[in-house]
Amino acid sequence: MDDRLLVERLKAGDESAFKYMVNTWQAMVYNTSLGIVQKEEDAEDIAQEVFVQVFQSVSTFKGESKFSTWLYRITITKSLDHERKKKRKKRFAFISSIFGEDSGEEVQVPDFNHPGVMMDKKEDAAILFRAIATLPENQRIAFTLHKVESLSYQEVCEVMQTSISSVESLMHRARINLRKKLAEHYQKQK
């Protein structure tokens, strides 16, 4: 089913079109979200939120970009919103602990299991994804879309609504920052 027909059917409230959309795009939405939030349960929740939002707001889709581009934008926005909420909770828990209030919430780095990573590479992938998580937001998004989701620079540029030269610059800075972070990590291991 092409994008135009899918969107028309979604706008008409066609349940089979919604099921088709979920079946077609669920892995992409989940993997993109997982690349950003790095926690399986959170990525599952975000994927559900993304599809609910698509269903509720498909009437606003104008067709100026590909459907997949629009879906990537929603996924990234939901994932980043989730990250911001999580940071606010951590700050609140920290402030509460200063005043002697125990929030009971323990902050730990999650075990990272991305479906595209082979079992024997899990430890290296976890180190890499922890380093990716420390990148500035735009670098992290560009890197995740290009290297983890295998989007071309053109597609990344469309999803991020920026120029190719901006994406190239973000990728260049992301690589430099990742090299530094990974070098620091492996220096500590020696």
Foldseek 3Di string as FASTA:
>chain_A
DAQVVLLVCLVVVNPVSLVVCCVVCVLVLLLLLCLAQQDNVLSVVLSVVLSVVCSVCSVVDPPPDGPVLVSLLSSLVSSVVVVVVVVVVVVVQVVCVVVVHHPVDDDDDDQGDRPVDDPVCSVVVSQLSVLLNPDPSLLSSLCCCCPVVVDDLVSSCSSVVHDSVVSVVSPVVSVVSSVVSVVVVVVVVD
